[in-house]
Amino acid sequence: MMGPKTTQLIAVLEQIGQLLDSDGEKHWRKWLASVRSQLINSDYSGVEYLLDAYGGMGSFNDLVIGQVMVGGRLSWQTDAQEANDKLSALRGEAYELAQYIKHHHELGVRKYGELK
């Protein structure tokens, strides 16, 4: 049975997934689906996989959504600021929840594929 913070993290990841789907973002959406699947299966490596995507050039926290090509030029969609604010808030919440789970070992079933 997963803990409440893990359940909460999965819900946040679902919200991020909806944002990425609405933007047509495929790379990070695929990564997100993998993290979510690992967490649902009580696989602790999902927490590490999530946290590893934060920091460094080209990382998840660098992702900006709401841009489209119009006439060969990059342009912002009308709701881009709102979408990016929401993404930023959810991304921060996911990070904080993952840090909590990491430090409190909330999943408790498997860590790196081994029974605890």
Protein backbone atom coordinates (compact mmCIF):
# COMPACT_ATOMS: atom_id res chain seq x y z
CA MET A 1 0.00 0.00 0.00
CA MET A 2 1.41 3.40 -0.93
CA GLY A 3 1.55 6.30 1.46
CA PRO A 4 -0.44 9.53 1.22
CA LYS A 5 2.47 11.61 -0.12
CA THR A 6 3.03 9.07 -2.90
CA THR A 7 -0.66 9.17 -3.77
CA GLN A 8 -0.47 12.96 -3.79
CA LEU A 9 2.64 12.89 -6.01
CA ILE A 10 0.91 10.62 -8.52
CA ALA A 11 -2.03 13.06 -8.66
CA VAL A 12 0.35 15.99 -9.26
CA LEU A 13 2.10 14.04 -12.02
CA GLU A 14 -1.30 13.41 -13.65
CA GLN A 15 -1.98 17.16 -13.64
CA ILE A 16 1.43 17.85 -15.18
CA GLY A 17 0.69 15.18 -17.77
CA GLN A 18 -2.53 16.92 -18.74
CA LEU A 19 -0.65 20.19 -19.23
CA LEU A 20 1.99 18.48 -21.36
CA ASP A 21 -0.68 16.70 -23.41
CA SER A 22 -2.49 19.96 -24.08
CA ASP A 23 0.79 21.47 -25.28
CA GLY A 24 1.71 18.47 -27.44
CA GLU A 25 4.94 17.94 -25.46
CA LYS A 26 6.05 14.36 -26.12
CA HIS A 27 9.55 13.88 -24.65
CA TRP A 28 8.76 14.92 -21.09
CA ARG A 29 5.31 13.34 -21.31
CA LYS A 30 6.90 9.94 -22.00
CA TRP A 31 9.32 10.42 -19.11
CA LEU A 32 6.45 11.44 -16.84
CA ALA A 33 4.46 8.32 -17.75
CA SER A 34 7.44 6.18 -16.80
CA VAL A 35 7.84 7.91 -13.41
CA ARG A 36 4.13 7.58 -12.71
CA SER A 37 4.13 3.88 -13.62
CA GLN A 38 7.08 3.21 -11.32
CA LEU A 39 5.37 4.97 -8.43
CA ILE A 40 2.08 3.15 -8.98
CA ASN A 41 4.04 -0.11 -8.85
CA SER A 42 5.66 0.97 -5.55
CA ASP A 43 9.05 1.10 -7.27
CA TYR A 44 11.22 3.55 -5.34
CA SER A 45 13.42 4.15 -8.38
CA GLY A 46 10.57 6.31 -9.73
CA VAL A 47 11.36 8.86 -7.02
CA GLU A 48 15.02 8.93 -8.01
CA TYR A 49 14.13 9.06 -11.72
CA LEU A 50 11.91 12.06 -11.03
CA LEU A 51 14.48 13.90 -8.93
CA ASP A 52 17.27 13.20 -11.44
CA ALA A 53 15.37 15.22 -14.06
CA TYR A 54 15.69 18.43 -12.00
CA GLY A 55 18.79 20.58 -12.43
CA GLY A 56 21.30 20.99 -15.21
CA MET A 57 20.87 22.30 -18.73
CA GLY A 58 17.87 20.89 -20.58
CA SER A 59 16.33 19.50 -17.42
CA PHE A 60 12.65 19.19 -16.60
CA ASN A 61 12.67 22.44 -14.67
CA ASP A 62 13.89 24.22 -17.85
CA LEU A 63 10.81 23.14 -19.80
CA VAL A 64 8.73 25.99 -21.19
CA ILE A 65 5.37 25.29 -22.81
CA GLY A 66 3.00 27.40 -24.87
CA GLN A 67 5.22 28.11 -27.84
CA VAL A 68 4.26 27.42 -31.46
CA MET A 69 5.84 28.02 -34.83
CA VAL A 70 3.90 30.56 -36.90
CA GLY A 71 5.26 31.43 -40.32
CA GLY A 72 8.65 30.00 -39.45
CA ARG A 73 8.87 32.06 -36.26
CA LEU A 74 8.46 31.05 -32.66
CA SER A 75 5.36 32.60 -31.12
CA TRP A 76 3.63 32.44 -27.74
CA GLN A 77 0.13 31.05 -27.36
CA THR A 78 -2.32 33.39 -25.65
CA ASP A 79 -2.44 31.35 -22.43
CA ALA A 80 1.29 30.57 -22.30
CA GLN A 81 2.03 32.59 -19.16
CA GLU A 82 -0.80 30.96 -17.23
CA ALA A 83 0.19 27.48 -18.44
CA ASN A 84 3.82 28.02 -17.48
CA ASP A 85 2.88 29.40 -14.07
CA LYS A 86 0.76 26.31 -13.46
CA LEU A 87 3.53 24.01 -14.72
CA SER A 88 6.05 25.74 -12.48
CA ALA A 89 3.84 25.36 -9.40
CA LEU A 90 3.09 21.70 -10.12
CA ARG A 91 6.72 20.96 -10.93
CA GLY A 92 7.75 22.49 -7.58
CA GLU A 93 5.10 20.52 -5.74
CA ALA A 94 6.23 17.28 -7.41
CA TYR A 95 9.83 17.99 -6.41
CA GLU A 96 8.91 18.69 -2.79
CA LEU A 97 6.77 15.54 -2.56
CA ALA A 98 9.52 13.41 -4.12
CA GLN A 99 12.06 14.84 -1.67
CA TYR A 100 9.74 14.00 1.22
CA ILE A 101 9.27 10.45 -0.03
CA LYS A 102 13.00 10.03 -0.56
CA HIS A 103 13.84 11.20 2.95
CA HIS A 104 11.03 9.31 4.65
CA HIS A 105 11.08 6.19 2.44
CA GLU A 106 7.33 6.37 2.18
CA LEU A 107 6.99 3.78 -0.58
CA GLY A 108 8.68 1.24 1.65
CA VAL A 109 7.95 -1.75 -0.59
CA ARG A 110 10.90 -1.84 -2.95
CA LYS A 111 14.03 0.22 -3.21
CA TYR A 112 15.85 -0.23 -6.47
CA GLY A 113 14.03 -3.48 -7.15
CA GLU A 114 14.80 -5.13 -3.82
CA LEU A 115 12.37 -6.02 -1.08
CA LYS A 116 12.80 -3.93 1.99
